[in-house]
N, C-alpha and C. Protein backbone atom coordinates (compact mmCIF):
# COMPACT_ATOMS: atom_id res chain seq x y z
N MET A 1 -90.97 6.19 164.95
CA MET A 1 -92.03 5.50 165.69
C MET A 1 -91.49 4.23 166.36
N LYS A 2 -90.66 3.48 165.58
CA LYS A 2 -90.10 2.26 166.13
C LYS A 2 -89.21 2.56 167.33
N ARG A 3 -88.47 3.69 167.24
CA ARG A 3 -87.60 4.06 168.36
C ARG A 3 -88.39 4.37 169.62
N ILE A 4 -89.54 5.04 169.45
CA ILE A 4 -90.40 5.38 170.60
C ILE A 4 -90.92 4.12 171.26
N ILE A 5 -91.41 3.18 170.44
CA ILE A 5 -91.95 1.92 170.98
C ILE A 5 -90.86 1.16 171.71
N LEU A 6 -89.64 1.11 171.11
CA LEU A 6 -88.53 0.40 171.74
C LEU A 6 -88.16 1.04 173.08
N THR A 7 -88.15 2.35 173.12
CA THR A 7 -87.84 3.07 174.36
C THR A 7 -88.84 2.76 175.45
N LEU A 8 -90.14 2.74 175.10
CA LEU A 8 -91.20 2.43 176.08
C LEU A 8 -91.06 1.02 176.61
N VAL A 9 -90.73 0.07 175.77
CA VAL A 9 -90.56 -1.32 176.19
C VAL A 9 -89.43 -1.43 177.20
N ILE A 10 -88.30 -0.76 176.91
CA ILE A 10 -87.16 -0.80 177.82
C ILE A 10 -87.51 -0.20 179.17
N VAL A 11 -88.25 0.90 179.17
CA VAL A 11 -88.66 1.56 180.43
C VAL A 11 -89.54 0.66 181.25
N PHE A 12 -90.54 0.01 180.61
CA PHE A 12 -91.48 -0.85 181.33
C PHE A 12 -90.77 -2.08 181.91
N ILE A 13 -89.74 -2.56 181.24
CA ILE A 13 -88.99 -3.70 181.76
C ILE A 13 -88.08 -3.28 182.91
N ALA A 14 -87.46 -2.12 182.76
CA ALA A 14 -86.47 -1.68 183.75
C ALA A 14 -87.09 -1.25 185.06
N LEU A 15 -88.28 -0.61 185.02
CA LEU A 15 -88.89 -0.09 186.25
C LEU A 15 -89.12 -1.17 187.31
N PRO A 16 -89.75 -2.32 186.99
CA PRO A 16 -89.92 -3.35 188.01
C PRO A 16 -88.60 -3.84 188.58
N LEU A 17 -87.57 -3.95 187.74
CA LEU A 17 -86.28 -4.41 188.23
C LEU A 17 -85.69 -3.43 189.23
N TRP A 18 -85.77 -2.13 188.92
CA TRP A 18 -85.28 -1.13 189.86
C TRP A 18 -86.07 -1.16 191.17
N ALA A 19 -87.38 -1.33 191.04
CA ALA A 19 -88.23 -1.37 192.24
C ALA A 19 -87.87 -2.55 193.13
N ASP A 20 -87.68 -3.75 192.51
CA ASP A 20 -87.32 -4.93 193.28
C ASP A 20 -85.98 -4.75 193.97
N PHE A 21 -85.05 -4.12 193.25
CA PHE A 21 -83.72 -3.91 193.83
C PHE A 21 -83.81 -3.05 195.08
N GLY A 22 -84.59 -1.99 195.03
CA GLY A 22 -84.73 -1.11 196.17
C GLY A 22 -85.40 -1.79 197.34
N VAL A 23 -86.50 -2.51 197.10
CA VAL A 23 -87.23 -3.20 198.17
C VAL A 23 -86.35 -4.27 198.81
N SER A 24 -85.64 -5.05 197.97
CA SER A 24 -84.77 -6.10 198.50
C SER A 24 -83.72 -5.53 199.43
N ASN A 25 -83.12 -4.42 199.06
CA ASN A 25 -82.09 -3.83 199.90
C ASN A 25 -82.64 -3.37 201.24
N VAL A 26 -83.82 -2.76 201.23
CA VAL A 26 -84.43 -2.25 202.47
C VAL A 26 -84.77 -3.41 203.39
N VAL A 27 -85.40 -4.46 202.86
CA VAL A 27 -85.80 -5.61 203.68
C VAL A 27 -84.58 -6.28 204.28
N THR A 28 -83.55 -6.51 203.48
CA THR A 28 -82.33 -7.14 203.97
C THR A 28 -81.71 -6.32 205.09
N LYS A 29 -81.67 -5.01 204.91
CA LYS A 29 -81.08 -4.13 205.92
C LYS A 29 -81.87 -4.20 207.22
N GLU A 30 -83.20 -4.24 207.14
CA GLU A 30 -84.02 -4.30 208.34
C GLU A 30 -83.82 -5.62 209.06
N ILE A 31 -83.73 -6.72 208.33
CA ILE A 31 -83.54 -8.02 208.96
C ILE A 31 -82.21 -8.06 209.69
N LYS A 32 -81.16 -7.52 209.07
CA LYS A 32 -79.86 -7.51 209.70
C LYS A 32 -79.87 -6.68 210.98
N GLN A 33 -80.61 -5.56 210.97
CA GLN A 33 -80.67 -4.72 212.16
C GLN A 33 -81.40 -5.43 213.29
N LEU A 34 -82.47 -6.15 212.97
CA LEU A 34 -83.26 -6.83 213.98
C LEU A 34 -82.52 -8.01 214.59
N SER A 35 -81.73 -8.71 213.77
CA SER A 35 -81.10 -9.93 214.24
C SER A 35 -79.67 -9.73 214.74
N ALA A 36 -79.16 -8.52 214.71
CA ALA A 36 -77.78 -8.28 215.15
C ALA A 36 -77.64 -8.56 216.64
N PRO A 37 -76.61 -9.34 217.05
CA PRO A 37 -76.42 -9.66 218.47
C PRO A 37 -75.95 -8.44 219.25
N ALA A 38 -76.20 -8.46 220.55
CA ALA A 38 -75.79 -7.34 221.39
C ALA A 38 -74.27 -7.29 221.52
N ILE A 39 -73.61 -8.45 221.49
CA ILE A 39 -72.17 -8.52 221.59
C ILE A 39 -71.62 -9.02 220.25
N GLU A 40 -70.56 -8.42 219.78
CA GLU A 40 -69.99 -8.82 218.49
C GLU A 40 -69.43 -10.23 218.57
N PRO A 41 -69.88 -11.16 217.73
CA PRO A 41 -69.37 -12.53 217.76
C PRO A 41 -67.98 -12.63 217.16
N ALA A 42 -67.41 -13.80 217.28
CA ALA A 42 -66.07 -14.04 216.73
C ALA A 42 -66.21 -14.33 215.25
N LEU A 43 -66.39 -13.30 214.45
CA LEU A 43 -66.61 -13.46 213.02
C LEU A 43 -65.39 -14.08 212.37
N GLY A 44 -65.64 -15.09 211.57
CA GLY A 44 -64.56 -15.73 210.84
C GLY A 44 -63.71 -16.66 211.68
N ALA A 45 -64.13 -16.92 212.91
CA ALA A 45 -63.35 -17.82 213.76
C ALA A 45 -63.37 -19.23 213.19
N GLU A 46 -62.21 -19.84 213.12
CA GLU A 46 -62.10 -21.19 212.58
C GLU A 46 -61.80 -22.16 213.73
N TYR A 47 -62.57 -23.25 213.78
CA TYR A 47 -62.34 -24.24 214.83
C TYR A 47 -62.90 -25.59 214.40
N VAL A 48 -62.07 -26.62 214.52
CA VAL A 48 -62.53 -27.98 214.25
C VAL A 48 -62.67 -28.67 215.58
N LYS A 49 -63.90 -29.00 215.94
CA LYS A 49 -64.17 -29.57 217.26
C LYS A 49 -63.66 -31.00 217.35
N THR A 50 -62.91 -31.29 218.40
CA THR A 50 -62.37 -32.63 218.59
C THR A 50 -62.77 -33.22 219.95
N SER A 51 -63.19 -32.37 220.89
CA SER A 51 -63.62 -32.83 222.21
C SER A 51 -65.13 -32.66 222.34
N PHE A 52 -65.80 -33.70 222.85
CA PHE A 52 -67.25 -33.67 222.99
C PHE A 52 -67.64 -34.00 224.43
N TYR A 53 -68.78 -33.45 224.86
CA TYR A 53 -69.19 -33.57 226.25
C TYR A 53 -70.64 -34.08 226.36
N PRO A 54 -70.84 -35.38 226.24
CA PRO A 54 -72.21 -35.93 226.21
C PRO A 54 -72.85 -36.16 227.58
N TYR A 55 -72.13 -35.87 228.67
CA TYR A 55 -72.70 -36.13 230.00
C TYR A 55 -72.77 -34.87 230.84
N THR A 56 -73.79 -34.83 231.68
CA THR A 56 -73.99 -33.68 232.56
C THR A 56 -74.61 -34.16 233.86
N ILE A 57 -74.58 -33.33 234.88
CA ILE A 57 -75.19 -33.67 236.18
C ILE A 57 -76.56 -33.02 236.25
N HIS A 58 -77.57 -33.84 236.51
CA HIS A 58 -78.94 -33.34 236.61
C HIS A 58 -79.25 -33.02 238.07
N LEU A 59 -79.57 -31.77 238.34
CA LEU A 59 -79.82 -31.33 239.71
C LEU A 59 -81.28 -31.43 240.12
N SER A 60 -82.19 -30.98 239.24
CA SER A 60 -83.62 -31.03 239.56
C SER A 60 -84.44 -30.73 238.32
N SER A 61 -85.76 -30.95 238.40
CA SER A 61 -86.66 -30.69 237.27
C SER A 61 -87.90 -29.96 237.77
N TRP A 62 -88.39 -29.02 236.96
CA TRP A 62 -89.54 -28.21 237.35
C TRP A 62 -90.40 -27.91 236.13
N GLN A 63 -91.70 -27.79 236.36
CA GLN A 63 -92.59 -27.42 235.26
C GLN A 63 -92.82 -25.92 235.22
N ASP A 64 -92.46 -25.23 236.27
CA ASP A 64 -92.54 -23.77 236.32
C ASP A 64 -91.16 -23.20 235.96
N PRO A 65 -91.03 -22.48 234.84
CA PRO A 65 -89.72 -21.96 234.44
C PRO A 65 -89.14 -20.97 235.45
N ASN A 66 -90.00 -20.25 236.16
CA ASN A 66 -89.52 -19.29 237.15
C ASN A 66 -88.89 -19.99 238.34
N VAL A 67 -89.48 -21.12 238.74
CA VAL A 67 -88.89 -21.91 239.83
C VAL A 67 -87.54 -22.47 239.40
N ALA A 68 -87.47 -22.96 238.16
CA ALA A 68 -86.21 -23.50 237.65
C ALA A 68 -85.13 -22.43 237.64
N LEU A 69 -85.49 -21.22 237.23
CA LEU A 69 -84.53 -20.12 237.19
C LEU A 69 -84.07 -19.75 238.60
N SER A 70 -84.98 -19.80 239.55
CA SER A 70 -84.60 -19.50 240.94
C SER A 70 -83.65 -20.57 241.48
N GLN A 71 -83.83 -21.82 241.03
CA GLN A 71 -82.93 -22.89 241.44
C GLN A 71 -81.54 -22.71 240.84
N VAL A 72 -81.50 -22.19 239.63
CA VAL A 72 -80.21 -21.89 239.01
C VAL A 72 -79.47 -20.86 239.87
N GLU A 73 -80.16 -19.81 240.24
CA GLU A 73 -79.54 -18.75 241.05
C GLU A 73 -79.11 -19.27 242.42
N LYS A 74 -79.93 -20.14 243.00
CA LYS A 74 -79.60 -20.73 244.30
C LYS A 74 -78.33 -21.57 244.22
N ASN A 75 -78.24 -22.41 243.19
CA ASN A 75 -77.08 -23.28 243.04
C ASN A 75 -75.83 -22.53 242.64
N GLU A 76 -75.99 -21.41 241.93
CA GLU A 76 -74.82 -20.65 241.49
C GLU A 76 -74.10 -19.96 242.63
N ASP A 77 -74.73 -19.94 243.81
CA ASP A 77 -74.03 -19.42 244.98
C ASP A 77 -72.91 -20.37 245.39
N LEU A 78 -73.03 -21.64 244.95
CA LEU A 78 -72.06 -22.67 245.32
C LEU A 78 -71.22 -23.16 244.15
N ILE A 79 -71.83 -23.28 242.98
CA ILE A 79 -71.12 -23.73 241.78
C ILE A 79 -71.55 -22.87 240.59
N SER A 80 -70.59 -22.50 239.77
CA SER A 80 -70.91 -21.67 238.61
C SER A 80 -71.16 -22.55 237.38
N GLY A 81 -71.95 -22.04 236.46
CA GLY A 81 -72.20 -22.78 235.23
C GLY A 81 -73.44 -23.64 235.25
N VAL A 82 -74.36 -23.39 236.21
CA VAL A 82 -75.62 -24.13 236.23
C VAL A 82 -76.51 -23.57 235.12
N PHE A 83 -77.22 -24.44 234.41
CA PHE A 83 -78.03 -24.00 233.28
C PHE A 83 -79.37 -24.73 233.24
N ILE A 84 -80.24 -24.28 232.34
CA ILE A 84 -81.57 -24.87 232.20
C ILE A 84 -81.68 -25.59 230.85
N THR A 85 -82.33 -26.74 230.87
CA THR A 85 -82.65 -27.47 229.65
C THR A 85 -84.17 -27.55 229.55
N LYS A 86 -84.74 -26.85 228.58
CA LYS A 86 -86.18 -26.93 228.35
C LYS A 86 -86.47 -28.09 227.41
N ILE A 87 -87.35 -28.99 227.83
CA ILE A 87 -87.59 -30.18 227.02
C ILE A 87 -89.05 -30.62 227.11
N ASP A 88 -89.59 -31.07 226.00
CA ASP A 88 -90.97 -31.57 225.92
C ASP A 88 -90.94 -33.08 226.11
N LEU A 89 -91.57 -33.56 227.19
CA LEU A 89 -91.59 -34.99 227.49
C LEU A 89 -92.92 -35.64 227.09
N GLY A 90 -93.56 -35.06 226.11
CA GLY A 90 -94.80 -35.65 225.59
C GLY A 90 -95.95 -35.57 226.57
N SER A 91 -96.49 -36.73 226.94
CA SER A 91 -97.65 -36.78 227.85
C SER A 91 -97.32 -36.22 229.23
N SER A 92 -96.06 -36.19 229.59
CA SER A 92 -95.65 -35.64 230.90
C SER A 92 -95.56 -34.12 230.88
N GLY A 93 -95.61 -33.53 229.69
CA GLY A 93 -95.58 -32.08 229.58
C GLY A 93 -94.19 -31.51 229.36
N ILE A 94 -94.11 -30.20 229.40
CA ILE A 94 -92.84 -29.50 229.22
C ILE A 94 -92.17 -29.30 230.57
N TRP A 95 -90.89 -29.66 230.63
CA TRP A 95 -90.14 -29.55 231.87
C TRP A 95 -88.91 -28.68 231.68
N TYR A 96 -88.47 -28.10 232.78
CA TYR A 96 -87.27 -27.27 232.79
C TYR A 96 -86.27 -27.93 233.75
N ARG A 97 -85.27 -28.55 233.15
CA ARG A 97 -84.27 -29.25 233.95
C ARG A 97 -83.15 -28.30 234.37
N VAL A 98 -82.76 -28.41 235.62
CA VAL A 98 -81.63 -27.63 236.12
C VAL A 98 -80.42 -28.56 236.07
N ASP A 99 -79.46 -28.24 235.19
CA ASP A 99 -78.32 -29.10 234.93
C ASP A 99 -77.00 -28.39 235.23
N TYR A 100 -75.95 -29.21 235.32
CA TYR A 100 -74.63 -28.64 235.62
C TYR A 100 -73.52 -29.48 234.98
N GLY A 101 -72.57 -28.80 234.38
CA GLY A 101 -71.33 -29.44 233.96
C GLY A 101 -71.32 -30.05 232.57
N ILE A 102 -70.10 -30.18 232.04
CA ILE A 102 -69.86 -30.85 230.76
C ILE A 102 -68.77 -31.90 231.00
N PHE A 103 -69.07 -33.14 230.63
CA PHE A 103 -68.14 -34.23 230.89
C PHE A 103 -68.02 -35.13 229.66
N GLN A 104 -66.79 -35.59 229.41
CA GLN A 104 -66.55 -36.43 228.24
C GLN A 104 -66.98 -37.87 228.46
N THR A 105 -66.90 -38.34 229.72
CA THR A 105 -67.28 -39.73 230.02
C THR A 105 -68.23 -39.76 231.21
N ILE A 106 -69.00 -40.84 231.28
CA ILE A 106 -69.94 -40.97 232.40
C ILE A 106 -69.18 -41.18 233.71
N LYS A 107 -68.02 -41.84 233.65
CA LYS A 107 -67.20 -42.05 234.85
C LYS A 107 -66.75 -40.71 235.43
N GLU A 108 -66.29 -39.83 234.56
CA GLU A 108 -65.85 -38.50 234.99
C GLU A 108 -66.99 -37.74 235.64
N ALA A 109 -68.19 -37.82 235.05
CA ALA A 109 -69.35 -37.11 235.58
C ALA A 109 -69.76 -37.66 236.94
N VAL A 110 -69.78 -38.99 237.09
CA VAL A 110 -70.19 -39.62 238.35
C VAL A 110 -69.20 -39.29 239.47
N LEU A 111 -67.91 -39.34 239.18
CA LEU A 111 -66.91 -39.02 240.19
C LEU A 111 -67.06 -37.58 240.69
N PHE A 112 -67.31 -36.66 239.76
CA PHE A 112 -67.48 -35.27 240.14
C PHE A 112 -68.78 -35.08 240.93
N LEU A 113 -69.82 -35.80 240.53
CA LEU A 113 -71.10 -35.76 241.25
C LEU A 113 -70.91 -36.18 242.70
N ARG A 114 -70.22 -37.29 242.91
CA ARG A 114 -69.99 -37.79 244.27
C ARG A 114 -69.18 -36.79 245.10
N GLU A 115 -68.22 -36.16 244.47
CA GLU A 115 -67.40 -35.17 245.16
C GLU A 115 -68.25 -33.99 245.62
N LEU A 116 -69.12 -33.50 244.75
CA LEU A 116 -69.99 -32.38 245.09
C LEU A 116 -70.98 -32.76 246.20
N GLN A 117 -71.48 -34.00 246.15
CA GLN A 117 -72.42 -34.45 247.18
C GLN A 117 -71.74 -34.63 248.53
N GLU A 118 -70.51 -35.12 248.52
CA GLU A 118 -69.76 -35.27 249.76
C GLU A 118 -69.48 -33.92 250.40
N GLN A 119 -69.29 -32.92 249.57
CA GLN A 119 -69.04 -31.56 250.07
C GLN A 119 -70.33 -30.84 250.45
N LYS A 120 -71.47 -31.51 250.23
CA LYS A 120 -72.80 -30.93 250.49
C LYS A 120 -73.06 -29.72 249.60
N THR A 121 -72.40 -29.70 248.44
CA THR A 121 -72.57 -28.59 247.51
C THR A 121 -73.87 -28.72 246.75
N ILE A 122 -74.26 -29.96 246.43
CA ILE A 122 -75.52 -30.23 245.74
C ILE A 122 -76.31 -31.29 246.51
N ASP A 123 -77.60 -31.39 246.21
CA ASP A 123 -78.49 -32.32 246.92
C ASP A 123 -78.15 -33.77 246.60
N GLU A 124 -78.54 -34.66 247.50
CA GLU A 124 -78.31 -36.09 247.32
C GLU A 124 -79.10 -36.65 246.15
N GLY A 125 -80.18 -35.96 245.79
CA GLY A 125 -81.03 -36.45 244.70
C GLY A 125 -80.47 -36.20 243.31
N ALA A 126 -79.39 -35.46 243.20
CA ALA A 126 -78.78 -35.18 241.89
C ALA A 126 -78.20 -36.47 241.31
N PHE A 127 -78.17 -36.57 240.00
CA PHE A 127 -77.66 -37.78 239.36
C PHE A 127 -77.13 -37.47 237.96
N VAL A 128 -76.39 -38.43 237.42
CA VAL A 128 -75.92 -38.35 236.04
C VAL A 128 -76.83 -39.23 235.20
N GLY A 129 -77.52 -38.62 234.25
CA GLY A 129 -78.46 -39.36 233.43
C GLY A 129 -77.79 -39.99 232.21
N SER A 130 -78.59 -40.35 231.25
CA SER A 130 -78.08 -40.93 230.01
C SER A 130 -77.41 -39.84 229.16
N SER A 131 -76.81 -40.26 228.09
CA SER A 131 -76.06 -39.35 227.23
C SER A 131 -76.93 -38.23 226.67
N VAL A 132 -76.43 -36.99 226.76
CA VAL A 132 -77.12 -35.82 226.19
C VAL A 132 -76.09 -35.06 225.33
N PRO A 133 -75.77 -35.59 224.17
CA PRO A 133 -74.67 -35.04 223.37
C PRO A 133 -74.98 -33.77 222.59
N TYR A 134 -76.26 -33.39 222.53
CA TYR A 134 -76.62 -32.22 221.72
C TYR A 134 -76.93 -31.00 222.58
N THR A 135 -76.76 -29.83 221.98
CA THR A 135 -77.03 -28.57 222.65
C THR A 135 -77.50 -27.56 221.62
N ILE A 136 -77.86 -26.38 222.10
CA ILE A 136 -78.23 -25.27 221.21
C ILE A 136 -77.17 -24.20 221.36
N GLU A 137 -76.43 -23.99 220.31
CA GLU A 137 -75.39 -22.97 220.31
C GLU A 137 -76.01 -21.63 219.94
N ILE A 138 -75.92 -20.67 220.85
CA ILE A 138 -76.51 -19.36 220.61
C ILE A 138 -75.53 -18.43 219.89
N ASN A 139 -74.27 -18.50 220.30
CA ASN A 139 -73.28 -17.66 219.63
C ASN A 139 -71.88 -18.12 220.00
N VAL A 140 -70.90 -17.61 219.28
CA VAL A 140 -69.49 -17.93 219.50
C VAL A 140 -68.72 -16.62 219.58
N PHE A 141 -67.77 -16.55 220.53
CA PHE A 141 -67.00 -15.32 220.73
C PHE A 141 -65.51 -15.62 220.81
N ASP A 142 -64.71 -14.58 220.58
CA ASP A 142 -63.27 -14.76 220.58
C ASP A 142 -62.62 -14.39 221.91
N SER A 143 -63.43 -14.16 222.95
CA SER A 143 -62.88 -13.90 224.28
C SER A 143 -63.89 -14.32 225.34
N ARG A 144 -63.36 -14.69 226.50
CA ARG A 144 -64.23 -15.09 227.61
C ARG A 144 -65.10 -13.92 228.06
N GLU A 145 -64.55 -12.72 228.02
CA GLU A 145 -65.29 -11.53 228.47
C GLU A 145 -66.54 -11.31 227.62
N LYS A 146 -66.39 -11.41 226.32
CA LYS A 146 -67.54 -11.22 225.43
C LYS A 146 -68.59 -12.31 225.64
N ALA A 147 -68.12 -13.55 225.77
CA ALA A 147 -69.05 -14.66 225.98
C ALA A 147 -69.80 -14.51 227.30
N PHE A 148 -69.07 -14.12 228.34
CA PHE A 148 -69.69 -13.93 229.65
C PHE A 148 -70.69 -12.79 229.62
N SER A 149 -70.37 -11.72 228.92
CA SER A 149 -71.28 -10.58 228.80
C SER A 149 -72.58 -11.00 228.12
N GLU A 150 -72.47 -11.80 227.07
CA GLU A 150 -73.67 -12.27 226.38
C GLU A 150 -74.49 -13.20 227.26
N ALA A 151 -73.82 -14.08 228.00
CA ALA A 151 -74.52 -14.99 228.91
C ALA A 151 -75.26 -14.20 229.99
N SER A 152 -74.64 -13.14 230.49
CA SER A 152 -75.28 -12.29 231.50
C SER A 152 -76.48 -11.57 230.93
N ARG A 153 -76.35 -11.10 229.69
CA ARG A 153 -77.47 -10.41 229.04
C ARG A 153 -78.66 -11.36 228.86
N LEU A 154 -78.37 -12.59 228.46
CA LEU A 154 -79.43 -13.57 228.24
C LEU A 154 -80.08 -13.98 229.56
N LYS A 155 -79.28 -14.08 230.61
CA LYS A 155 -79.83 -14.46 231.91
C LYS A 155 -80.83 -13.42 232.41
N ALA A 156 -80.56 -12.15 232.10
CA ALA A 156 -81.49 -11.08 232.48
C ALA A 156 -82.83 -11.24 231.76
N LEU A 157 -82.82 -11.97 230.64
CA LEU A 157 -84.05 -12.25 229.90
C LEU A 157 -84.68 -13.56 230.32
N GLY A 158 -84.09 -14.23 231.32
CA GLY A 158 -84.62 -15.50 231.79
C GLY A 158 -84.07 -16.70 231.05
N ILE A 159 -82.96 -16.53 230.32
CA ILE A 159 -82.36 -17.62 229.56
C ILE A 159 -81.05 -18.01 230.23
N ALA A 160 -81.04 -19.15 230.92
CA ALA A 160 -79.86 -19.59 231.66
C ALA A 160 -78.98 -20.44 230.77
N THR A 161 -77.90 -19.85 230.28
CA THR A 161 -76.98 -20.52 229.37
C THR A 161 -75.73 -20.98 230.12
N TYR A 162 -74.77 -21.55 229.39
CA TYR A 162 -73.47 -21.89 229.95
C TYR A 162 -72.41 -21.73 228.87
N LEU A 163 -71.16 -21.63 229.30
CA LEU A 163 -70.06 -21.38 228.38
C LEU A 163 -69.19 -22.62 228.24
N VAL A 164 -68.69 -22.83 227.04
CA VAL A 164 -67.70 -23.87 226.80
C VAL A 164 -66.51 -23.23 226.09
N GLU A 165 -65.36 -23.33 226.71
CA GLU A 165 -64.13 -22.80 226.11
C GLU A 165 -63.48 -23.91 225.29
N GLU A 166 -63.55 -23.78 223.98
CA GLU A 166 -62.95 -24.79 223.11
C GLU A 166 -61.46 -24.53 222.95
N ASN A 167 -61.09 -23.27 222.86
CA ASN A 167 -59.69 -22.85 222.91
C ASN A 167 -59.66 -21.39 223.32
N GLU A 168 -58.49 -20.79 223.37
CA GLU A 168 -58.38 -19.43 223.90
C GLU A 168 -59.01 -18.37 223.01
N LYS A 169 -59.45 -18.75 221.82
CA LYS A 169 -60.09 -17.80 220.92
C LYS A 169 -61.45 -18.29 220.44
N TYR A 170 -62.02 -19.27 221.14
CA TYR A 170 -63.30 -19.83 220.69
C TYR A 170 -64.14 -20.20 221.91
N TYR A 171 -65.05 -19.31 222.27
CA TYR A 171 -65.91 -19.49 223.44
C TYR A 171 -67.36 -19.60 222.98
N ARG A 172 -68.01 -20.70 223.33
CA ARG A 172 -69.38 -20.96 222.88
C ARG A 172 -70.38 -20.66 224.00
N VAL A 173 -71.47 -19.97 223.65
CA VAL A 173 -72.57 -19.74 224.58
C VAL A 173 -73.66 -20.74 224.21
N LEU A 174 -73.96 -21.66 225.13
CA LEU A 174 -74.86 -22.78 224.84
C LEU A 174 -76.09 -22.78 225.74
N PHE A 175 -77.14 -23.44 225.23
CA PHE A 175 -78.36 -23.60 226.02
C PHE A 175 -78.78 -25.06 225.98
N GLY A 176 -78.93 -25.65 227.17
CA GLY A 176 -79.49 -26.99 227.27
C GLY A 176 -78.55 -28.13 226.91
N ALA A 177 -79.00 -29.35 227.27
CA ALA A 177 -78.29 -30.59 226.95
C ALA A 177 -79.35 -31.63 226.58
N TYR A 178 -79.27 -32.14 225.35
CA TYR A 178 -80.35 -32.96 224.80
C TYR A 178 -79.87 -34.31 224.27
N PRO A 179 -80.72 -35.34 224.37
CA PRO A 179 -80.34 -36.67 223.88
C PRO A 179 -80.29 -36.77 222.37
N ASP A 180 -81.05 -35.91 221.67
CA ASP A 180 -81.06 -35.94 220.21
C ASP A 180 -81.45 -34.56 219.69
N MET A 181 -81.33 -34.37 218.39
CA MET A 181 -81.60 -33.06 217.79
C MET A 181 -83.08 -32.69 217.88
N ASN A 182 -83.95 -33.68 217.75
CA ASN A 182 -85.39 -33.41 217.76
C ASN A 182 -85.85 -32.86 219.11
N SER A 183 -85.30 -33.38 220.20
CA SER A 183 -85.73 -32.93 221.52
C SER A 183 -85.29 -31.50 221.82
N ALA A 184 -84.33 -31.00 221.04
CA ALA A 184 -83.86 -29.62 221.22
C ALA A 184 -84.67 -28.62 220.39
N ARG A 185 -85.55 -29.12 219.53
CA ARG A 185 -86.25 -28.26 218.58
C ARG A 185 -87.14 -27.22 219.26
N LEU A 186 -87.86 -27.61 220.31
CA LEU A 186 -88.77 -26.68 220.99
C LEU A 186 -88.02 -25.46 221.52
N ALA A 187 -86.95 -25.69 222.25
CA ALA A 187 -86.17 -24.58 222.81
C ALA A 187 -85.49 -23.78 221.70
N HIS A 188 -85.05 -24.47 220.67
CA HIS A 188 -84.43 -23.79 219.53
C HIS A 188 -85.39 -22.78 218.92
N ASP A 189 -86.64 -23.19 218.71
CA ASP A 189 -87.63 -22.30 218.10
C ASP A 189 -87.97 -21.13 219.02
N ASP A 190 -87.98 -21.38 220.33
CA ASP A 190 -88.21 -20.29 221.29
C ASP A 190 -87.11 -19.24 221.19
N LEU A 191 -85.88 -19.69 221.14
CA LEU A 191 -84.75 -18.76 221.05
C LEU A 191 -84.76 -18.01 219.73
N TYR A 192 -85.13 -18.70 218.67
CA TYR A 192 -85.19 -18.07 217.35
C TYR A 192 -86.24 -16.96 217.34
N SER A 193 -87.37 -17.21 218.02
CA SER A 193 -88.45 -16.22 218.04
C SER A 193 -88.05 -14.95 218.79
N LEU A 194 -87.00 -15.03 219.60
CA LEU A 194 -86.50 -13.86 220.33
C LEU A 194 -85.51 -13.05 219.52
N GLY A 195 -85.28 -13.47 218.27
CA GLY A 195 -84.36 -12.73 217.42
C GLY A 195 -82.93 -13.24 217.47
N LEU A 196 -82.72 -14.37 218.18
CA LEU A 196 -81.39 -14.96 218.24
C LEU A 196 -81.17 -15.84 217.02
N LYS A 197 -79.95 -16.34 216.87
CA LYS A 197 -79.62 -17.23 215.75
C LYS A 197 -79.09 -18.55 216.29
N PRO A 198 -79.95 -19.34 216.92
CA PRO A 198 -79.50 -20.59 217.55
C PRO A 198 -79.20 -21.68 216.52
N LYS A 199 -78.36 -22.62 216.93
CA LYS A 199 -78.00 -23.73 216.06
C LYS A 199 -77.89 -25.00 216.90
N ILE A 200 -78.61 -26.04 216.51
CA ILE A 200 -78.53 -27.33 217.23
C ILE A 200 -77.26 -28.04 216.76
N THR A 201 -76.43 -28.41 217.73
CA THR A 201 -75.14 -29.00 217.38
C THR A 201 -74.66 -29.89 218.53
N LYS A 202 -73.48 -30.48 218.36
CA LYS A 202 -72.90 -31.33 219.41
C LYS A 202 -72.29 -30.46 220.51
N ARG A 203 -72.34 -30.99 221.73
CA ARG A 203 -71.73 -30.28 222.85
C ARG A 203 -70.22 -30.47 222.80
């Protein structure tokens, strides 16, 4: 009789554990399938960032995201790497900035701005604003081809990103340029809701 009771106790304890194990495996597998990127990232890539780019050239600002995207396409006929920064300006509302370039110093950014304006490549109203050292990193790849393919895929979804080559085996796909981490939160959450794995970090 004691053996029967002991056997029943073991069965009742083991069944929930087996059930949890099965459910956990299924849920984890489904999450991985949903969040898998279209392009294979540079898994295990090691890189210690030493160069930072807190300045960019601001081309224009729009409250209609479609207009901002059309401006990106218009400017890309002349310069490559134009991107959008979605930012909440509080009482002024949500704006979509059309930005260009990564620069380590404000002097470097201003000199390049003047050169582009002299060439009539960009409008006279473009300017270099205050420091925007933060960005949203969408993914990292071990080749320019993979990074470019992902950027093209995202652009088809209306997400205008840009690439930063840190070295020959470390290419970052980035979105936006922000003055602080908090101002990047809105766009970060939007990208996350699309099944991406964004990370707010330094440019």
